[in-house]
Amino acid sequence: MTKVLIAEDDKDLRMNMVDILELEGFDVIAVPCAEEAIAVCKKHSFDIALMDLVMSGMTGVEAISNLRQENPFMAVVIVTAYATVDTAVDAMKKGADSVLTKPFKSVDLVMTIRRSIAEKQLLKSSSDIDSDSVYAALANPLRRETLKSLGCHKELKFMDLCRLVGVEDHTKFNFHLRQLKKAGLVMQNERKIYILTNTGQFVLQHHNLS
């Protein structure tokens, strides 16, 4: 069953969305703020999150990187009454898969969810990603920093990587590099220089690592 997370501070709208989606057969958890959405993601996995843009505390866009750390392959839709081209572009740059404008019809809500999940699955399958091993690799901040450094510099020698991520313990860093290689995110070329794999490039492009 498709699992949906909703973060919406308008109680009536939140409950209405839950009713619509449960009637469509979705498994839904709804919370009133982004902070609670992040907390729920630490305990459960979801296929998609519907995040209100403006809520008290953290905004829906600000929460995206935290959500992706917990559920790397979850689709994220920003829901807003203030949709403009700039808003949509900013949300997509920060990792959103789609933007849904309020007010919306139930058919538009369901269609947006199904389309966003389908697109996410297509991208995931096209990159031949082992989600479990990638999820484990991204759980460590040092490994996320290593991916970002390789994304910026394209190829790096071991000592240059150590310097960029600020690690002096080479044995410890070797362990983390082995985990990234095991997850299929990083490899060494014929000159033994570290580079991102296609999967590593995909993860870097589609997930806001922090």
C-alpha atoms as a PDB file:
ATOM      1  CA  MET A   1       0.000   0.000   0.000  1.00  0.00           C
ATOM      2  CA  THR A   2       1.292   3.453  -0.916  1.00  0.00           C
ATOM      3  CA  LYS A   3       2.318   5.367   2.208  1.00  0.00           C
ATOM      4  CA  VAL A   4       1.666   9.111   2.271  1.00  0.00           C
ATOM      5  CA  LEU A   5       2.889  11.708   4.755  1.00  0.00           C
ATOM      6  CA  ILE A   6       1.003  15.023   5.018  1.00  0.00           C
ATOM      7  CA  ALA A   7       2.312  18.112   6.831  1.00  0.00           C
ATOM      8  CA  GLU A   8      -0.403  20.789   6.786  1.00  0.00           C
ATOM      9  CA  ASP A   9      -1.192  23.331   9.520  1.00  0.00           C
ATOM     10  CA  ASP A  10      -4.795  23.945   8.369  1.00  0.00           C
ATOM     11  CA  LYS A  11      -6.633  21.277  10.367  1.00  0.00           C
ATOM     12  CA  ASP A  12      -9.750  21.198   8.169  1.00  0.00           C
ATOM     13  CA  LEU A  13      -7.719  20.882   4.980  1.00  0.00           C
ATOM     14  CA  ARG A  14      -5.436  18.284   6.588  1.00  0.00           C
ATOM     15  CA  MET A  15      -8.369  16.090   7.614  1.00  0.00           C
ATOM     16  CA  ASN A  16     -10.038  16.559   4.229  1.00  0.00           C
ATOM     17  CA  MET A  17      -6.865  15.387   2.477  1.00  0.00           C
ATOM     18  CA  VAL A  18      -6.677  12.346   4.756  1.00  0.00           C
ATOM     19  CA  ASP A  19     -10.296  11.423   3.970  1.00  0.00           C
ATOM     20  CA  ILE A  20      -9.755  11.756   0.222  1.00  0.00           C
ATOM     21  CA  LEU A  21      -6.578   9.702   0.173  1.00  0.00           C
ATOM     22  CA  GLU A  22      -7.809   6.954   2.489  1.00  0.00           C
ATOM     23  CA  LEU A  23     -10.849   6.516   0.248  1.00  0.00           C
ATOM     24  CA  GLU A  24      -8.399   6.035  -2.636  1.00  0.00           C
ATOM     25  CA  GLY A  25      -6.631   3.291  -0.685  1.00  0.00           C
ATOM     26  CA  PHE A  26      -3.570   5.195   0.511  1.00  0.00           C
ATOM     27  CA  ASP A  27      -2.018   4.638   3.950  1.00  0.00           C
ATOM     28  CA  VAL A  28      -1.835   8.172   5.390  1.00  0.00           C
ATOM     29  CA  ILE A  29      -0.158   9.827   8.367  1.00  0.00           C
ATOM     30  CA  ALA A  30      -0.907  13.550   8.803  1.00  0.00           C
ATOM     31  CA  VAL A  31       0.852  16.054  11.079  1.00  0.00           C
ATOM     32  CA  PRO A  32       0.461  19.836  11.609  1.00  0.00           C
ATOM     33  CA  CYS A  33       4.064  20.972  11.066  1.00  0.00           C
ATOM     34  CA  ALA A  34       7.348  20.180   9.314  1.00  0.00           C
ATOM     35  CA  GLU A  35       9.141  19.352  12.562  1.00  0.00           C
ATOM     36  CA  GLU A  36       6.634  16.566  13.310  1.00  0.00           C
ATOM     37  CA  ALA A  37       6.928  15.319   9.730  1.00  0.00           C
ATOM     38  CA  ILE A  38      10.694  14.921  10.174  1.00  0.00           C
ATOM     39  CA  ALA A  39      10.165  13.128  13.488  1.00  0.00           C
ATOM     40  CA  VAL A  40       7.657  10.718  11.905  1.00  0.00           C
ATOM     41  CA  CYS A  41      10.088  10.002   9.055  1.00  0.00           C
ATOM     42  CA  LYS A  42      12.632   8.780  11.597  1.00  0.00           C
ATOM     43  CA  LYS A  43      10.196   5.987  12.559  1.00  0.00           C
ATOM     44  CA  HIS A  44       8.401   5.194   9.284  1.00  0.00           C
ATOM     45  CA  SER A  45       9.194   5.075   5.585  1.00  0.00           C
ATOM     46  CA  PHE A  46       6.954   6.794   3.025  1.00  0.00           C
ATOM     47  CA  ASP A  47       6.500   6.807  -0.725  1.00  0.00           C
ATOM     48  CA  ILE A  48       5.593  10.484  -0.821  1.00  0.00           C
ATOM     49  CA  ALA A  49       5.331  13.564   1.427  1.00  0.00           C
ATOM     50  CA  LEU A  50       2.894  16.428   0.850  1.00  0.00           C
ATOM     51  CA  MET A  51       4.429  19.458   2.562  1.00  0.00           C
ATOM     52  CA  ASP A  52       2.603  22.745   3.041  1.00  0.00           C
ATOM     53  CA  LEU A  53       4.947  25.550   2.004  1.00  0.00           C
ATOM     54  CA  VAL A  54       4.128  27.990   4.805  1.00  0.00           C
ATOM     55  CA  MET A  55       3.710  26.594   8.311  1.00  0.00           C
ATOM     56  CA  SER A  56       4.635  27.876  11.731  1.00  0.00           C
ATOM     57  CA  GLY A  57       8.279  27.015  12.329  1.00  0.00           C
ATOM     58  CA  MET A  58      10.142  25.292   9.479  1.00  0.00           C
ATOM     59  CA  THR A  59       8.660  25.653   5.978  1.00  0.00           C
ATOM     60  CA  GLY A  60       7.929  22.703   3.742  1.00  0.00           C
ATOM     61  CA  VAL A  61      10.864  23.548   1.479  1.00  0.00           C
ATOM     62  CA  GLU A  62      13.258  23.920   4.411  1.00  0.00           C
ATOM     63  CA  ALA A  63      12.289  20.440   5.599  1.00  0.00           C
ATOM     64  CA  ILE A  64      13.097  18.653   2.332  1.00  0.00           C
ATOM     65  CA  SER A  65      16.760  17.891   3.058  1.00  0.00           C
ATOM     66  CA  ASN A  66      15.878  16.491   6.504  1.00  0.00           C
ATOM     67  CA  LEU A  67      13.119  14.328   5.050  1.00  0.00           C
ATOM     68  CA  ARG A  68      15.406  12.963   2.342  1.00  0.00           C
ATOM     69  CA  GLN A  69      18.032  12.019   4.903  1.00  0.00           C
ATOM     70  CA  GLU A  70      15.457   9.720   6.482  1.00  0.00           C
ATOM     71  CA  ASN A  71      13.707   8.579   3.265  1.00  0.00           C
ATOM     72  CA  PRO A  72      16.158   9.122   0.364  1.00  0.00           C
ATOM     73  CA  PHE A  73      13.792   7.912  -2.368  1.00  0.00           C
ATOM     74  CA  MET A  74      10.575   9.501  -1.147  1.00  0.00           C
ATOM     75  CA  ALA A  75       8.837  11.875  -3.550  1.00  0.00           C
ATOM     76  CA  VAL A  76       8.128  15.342  -2.110  1.00  0.00           C
ATOM     77  CA  VAL A  77       5.304  17.640  -3.232  1.00  0.00           C
ATOM     78  CA  ILE A  78       5.125  21.229  -1.984  1.00  0.00           C
ATOM     79  CA  VAL A  79       1.535  22.401  -1.449  1.00  0.00           C
ATOM     80  CA  THR A  80       0.959  26.147  -1.484  1.00  0.00           C
ATOM     81  CA  ALA A  81      -1.606  28.882  -2.020  1.00  0.00           C
ATOM     82  CA  TYR A  82       1.186  31.199  -3.144  1.00  0.00           C
ATOM     83  CA  ALA A  83       2.486  29.351  -6.188  1.00  0.00           C
ATOM     84  CA  THR A  84       4.475  31.437  -8.635  1.00  0.00           C
ATOM     85  CA  VAL A  85       7.102  30.469 -11.160  1.00  0.00           C
ATOM     86  CA  ASP A  86       9.802  31.608  -8.721  1.00  0.00           C
ATOM     87  CA  THR A  87       8.266  29.582  -5.892  1.00  0.00           C
ATOM     88  CA  ALA A  88       8.126  26.460  -8.025  1.00  0.00           C
ATOM     89  CA  VAL A  89      11.673  26.873  -9.319  1.00  0.00           C
ATOM     90  CA  ASP A  90      13.016  27.430  -5.810  1.00  0.00           C
ATOM     91  CA  ALA A  91      11.167  24.360  -4.481  1.00  0.00           C
ATOM     92  CA  MET A  92      12.442  22.161  -7.301  1.00  0.00           C
ATOM     93  CA  LYS A  93      16.014  23.406  -6.843  1.00  0.00           C
ATOM     94  CA  LYS A  94      15.801  22.396  -3.194  1.00  0.00           C
ATOM     95  CA  GLY A  95      14.628  18.893  -3.989  1.00  0.00           C
ATOM     96  CA  ALA A  96      10.842  18.988  -4.453  1.00  0.00           C
ATOM     97  CA  ASP A  97       9.448  16.738  -7.169  1.00  0.00           C
ATOM     98  CA  SER A  98       6.329  18.803  -7.804  1.00  0.00           C
ATOM     99  CA  VAL A  99       4.269  21.782  -6.614  1.00  0.00           C
ATOM    100  CA  LEU A 100       0.500  21.583  -6.018  1.00  0.00           C
ATOM    101  CA  THR A 101      -1.469  24.831  -5.873  1.00  0.00           C
ATOM    102  CA  LYS A 102      -4.284  25.444  -3.381  1.00  0.00           C
ATOM    103  CA  PRO A 103      -7.201  25.229  -3.739  1.00  0.00           C
ATOM    104  CA  PHE A 104      -7.114  21.901  -5.540  1.00  0.00           C
ATOM    105  CA  LYS A 105      -9.660  19.277  -6.529  1.00  0.00           C
ATOM    106  CA  SER A 106      -9.461  15.778  -5.091  1.00  0.00           C
ATOM    107  CA  VAL A 107      -8.729  14.371  -8.539  1.00  0.00           C
ATOM    108  CA  ASP A 108      -5.760  16.739  -8.884  1.00  0.00           C
ATOM    109  CA  LEU A 109      -4.427  15.688  -5.474  1.00  0.00           C
ATOM    110  CA  VAL A 110      -4.591  11.988  -6.311  1.00  0.00           C
ATOM    111  CA  MET A 111      -3.184  12.498  -9.804  1.00  0.00           C
ATOM    112  CA  THR A 112      -0.242  14.528  -8.463  1.00  0.00           C
ATOM    113  CA  ILE A 113       0.599  11.812  -5.945  1.00  0.00           C
ATOM    114  CA  ARG A 114       0.447   8.986  -8.472  1.00  0.00           C
ATOM    115  CA  ARG A 115       2.428  10.900 -11.100  1.00  0.00           C
ATOM    116  CA  SER A 116       5.134  11.974  -8.633  1.00  0.00           C
ATOM    117  CA  ILE A 117       5.600   8.442  -7.294  1.00  0.00           C
ATOM    118  CA  ALA A 118       5.672   6.967 -10.810  1.00  0.00           C
ATOM    119  CA  GLU A 119       8.313   9.482 -11.934  1.00  0.00           C
ATOM    120  CA  LYS A 120      10.389   8.778  -8.846  1.00  0.00           C
ATOM    121  CA  GLN A 121      10.229   5.030  -9.412  1.00  0.00           C
ATOM    122  CA  LEU A 122      11.195   5.479 -13.062  1.00  0.00           C
ATOM    123  CA  LEU A 123      14.252   7.536 -12.141  1.00  0.00           C
ATOM    124  CA  LYS A 124      15.176   5.062  -9.436  1.00  0.00           C
ATOM    125  CA  SER A 125      14.905   2.008 -11.677  1.00  0.00           C
ATOM    126  CA  SER A 126      16.746   3.723 -14.548  1.00  0.00           C
ATOM    127  CA  SER A 127      19.703   4.263 -12.227  1.00  0.00           C
ATOM    128  CA  ASP A 128      19.712   0.651 -10.986  1.00  0.00           C
ATOM    129  CA  ILE A 129      19.818   1.780  -7.374  1.00  0.00           C
ATOM    130  CA  ASP A 130      19.945  -0.587  -4.417  1.00  0.00           C
ATOM    131  CA  SER A 131      17.879   1.581  -2.074  1.00  0.00           C
ATOM    132  CA  ASP A 132      18.822  -0.262   1.123  1.00  0.00           C
ATOM    133  CA  SER A 133      22.584   0.074   0.661  1.00  0.00           C
ATOM    134  CA  VAL A 134      22.281   3.678  -0.559  1.00  0.00           C
ATOM    135  CA  TYR A 135      20.084   4.526   2.416  1.00  0.00           C
ATOM    136  CA  ALA A 136      22.702   3.074   4.786  1.00  0.00           C
ATOM    137  CA  ALA A 137      25.529   4.937   3.048  1.00  0.00           C
ATOM    138  CA  LEU A 138      23.732   8.305   3.163  1.00  0.00           C
ATOM    139  CA  ALA A 139      23.025   7.963   6.879  1.00  0.00           C
ATOM    140  CA  ASN A 140      26.584   9.085   7.671  1.00  0.00           C
ATOM    141  CA  PRO A 141      27.402  12.836   7.298  1.00  0.00           C
ATOM    142  CA  LEU A 142      31.030  12.137   6.380  1.00  0.00           C
ATOM    143  CA  ARG A 143      29.917  10.007   3.437  1.00  0.00           C
ATOM    144  CA  ARG A 144      27.445  12.676   2.302  1.00  0.00           C
ATOM    145  CA  GLU A 145      30.274  15.235   2.425  1.00  0.00           C
ATOM    146  CA  THR A 146      32.469  12.876   0.383  1.00  0.00           C
ATOM    147  CA  LEU A 147      29.784  12.609  -2.317  1.00  0.00           C
ATOM    148  CA  LYS A 148      29.416  16.399  -2.453  1.00  0.00           C
ATOM    149  CA  SER A 149      33.191  16.885  -2.750  1.00  0.00           C
ATOM    150  CA  LEU A 150      33.372  14.387  -5.607  1.00  0.00           C
ATOM    151  CA  GLY A 151      30.397  16.097  -7.232  1.00  0.00           C
ATOM    152  CA  CYS A 152      32.228  19.436  -7.158  1.00  0.00           C
ATOM    153  CA  HIS A 153      35.673  18.211  -8.204  1.00  0.00           C
ATOM    154  CA  LYS A 154      34.682  15.252 -10.468  1.00  0.00           C
ATOM    155  CA  GLU A 155      37.755  13.193  -9.515  1.00  0.00           C
ATOM    156  CA  LEU A 156      39.976  13.228  -6.445  1.00  0.00           C
ATOM    157  CA  LYS A 157      42.962  11.380  -5.051  1.00  0.00           C
ATOM    158  CA  PHE A 158      42.610   9.773  -1.636  1.00  0.00           C
ATOM    159  CA  MET A 159      44.674  12.432   0.180  1.00  0.00           C
ATOM    160  CA  ASP A 160      42.800  15.276  -1.525  1.00  0.00           C
ATOM    161  CA  LEU A 161      39.486  13.741  -0.413  1.00  0.00           C
ATOM    162  CA  CYS A 162      40.786  13.433   3.156  1.00  0.00           C
ATOM    163  CA  ARG A 163      41.761  17.100   3.140  1.00  0.00           C
ATOM    164  CA  LEU A 164      38.464  18.313   1.678  1.00  0.00           C
ATOM    165  CA  VAL A 165      36.262  16.429   4.140  1.00  0.00           C
ATOM    166  CA  GLY A 166      38.580  17.220   7.053  1.00  0.00           C
ATOM    167  CA  VAL A 167      39.560  13.665   8.076  1.00  0.00           C
ATOM    168  CA  GLU A 168      42.998  12.873   9.503  1.00  0.00           C
ATOM    169  CA  ASP A 169      42.307   9.241  10.403  1.00  0.00           C
ATOM    170  CA  HIS A 170      42.991   7.498   7.083  1.00  0.00           C
ATOM    171  CA  THR A 171      41.918   4.076   8.333  1.00  0.00           C
ATOM    172  CA  LYS A 172      38.562   5.473   9.388  1.00  0.00           C
ATOM    173  CA  PHE A 173      38.136   7.259   6.062  1.00  0.00           C
ATOM    174  CA  ASN A 174      39.006   4.092   4.139  1.00  0.00           C
ATOM    175  CA  PHE A 175      36.149   2.354   5.937  1.00  0.00           C
ATOM    176  CA  HIS A 176      33.676   5.035   4.829  1.00  0.00           C
ATOM    177  CA  LEU A 177      34.937   4.923   1.245  1.00  0.00           C
ATOM    178  CA  ARG A 178      34.427   1.155   1.214  1.00  0.00           C
ATOM    179  CA  GLN A 179      30.809   1.686   2.306  1.00  0.00           C
ATOM    180  CA  LEU A 180      30.264   4.186  -0.520  1.00  0.00           C
ATOM    181  CA  LYS A 181      31.817   1.774  -3.020  1.00  0.00           C
ATOM    182  CA  LYS A 182      29.708  -1.095  -1.662  1.00  0.00           C
ATOM    183  CA  ALA A 183      26.565   1.032  -2.178  1.00  0.00           C
ATOM    184  CA  GLY A 184      27.603   1.674  -5.771  1.00  0.00           C
ATOM    185  CA  LEU A 185      27.966   5.429  -5.274  1.00  0.00           C
ATOM    186  CA  VAL A 186      31.745   5.786  -5.651  1.00  0.00           C
ATOM    187  CA  MET A 187      34.410   3.940  -7.637  1.00  0.00           C
ATOM    188  CA  GLN A 188      38.087   4.229  -8.547  1.00  0.00           C
ATOM    189  CA  ASN A 189      39.127   4.647 -12.157  1.00  0.00           C
ATOM    190  CA  GLU A 190      42.100   2.990 -13.815  1.00  0.00           C
ATOM    191  CA  ARG A 191      44.434   5.543 -12.173  1.00  0.00           C
ATOM    192  CA  LYS A 192      43.010   4.666  -8.704  1.00  0.00           C
ATOM    193  CA  ILE A 193      41.399   8.105  -8.478  1.00  0.00           C
ATOM    194  CA  TYR A 194      37.980   8.347  -6.822  1.00  0.00           C
ATOM    195  CA  ILE A 195      34.982   9.370  -8.954  1.00  0.00           C
ATOM    196  CA  LEU A 196      31.191   9.203  -8.669  1.00  0.00           C
ATOM    197  CA  THR A 197      29.382   6.322 -10.372  1.00  0.00           C
ATOM    198  CA  ASN A 198      26.239   6.989 -12.415  1.00  0.00           C
ATOM    199  CA  THR A 199      24.244   6.063  -9.310  1.00  0.00           C
ATOM    200  CA  GLY A 200      26.290   8.499  -7.225  1.00  0.00           C
ATOM    201  CA  GLN A 201      25.641  11.265  -9.743  1.00  0.00           C
ATOM    202  CA  PHE A 202      21.925  10.450  -9.736  1.00  0.00           C
ATOM    203  CA  VAL A 203      21.726  10.599  -5.941  1.00  0.00           C
ATOM    204  CA  LEU A 204      23.636  13.873  -5.868  1.00  0.00           C
ATOM    205  CA  GLN A 205      21.360  15.438  -8.492  1.00  0.00           C
ATOM    206  CA  HIS A 206      18.045  14.307  -7.059  1.00  0.00           C
ATOM    207  CA  HIS A 207      18.627  14.507  -3.333  1.00  0.00           C
ATOM    208  CA  ASN A 208      19.504  17.596  -1.362  1.00  0.00           C
ATOM    209  CA  LEU A 209      22.335  16.170   0.758  1.00  0.00           C
ATOM    210  CA  SER A 210      23.300  18.137   3.847  1.00  0.00           C
END
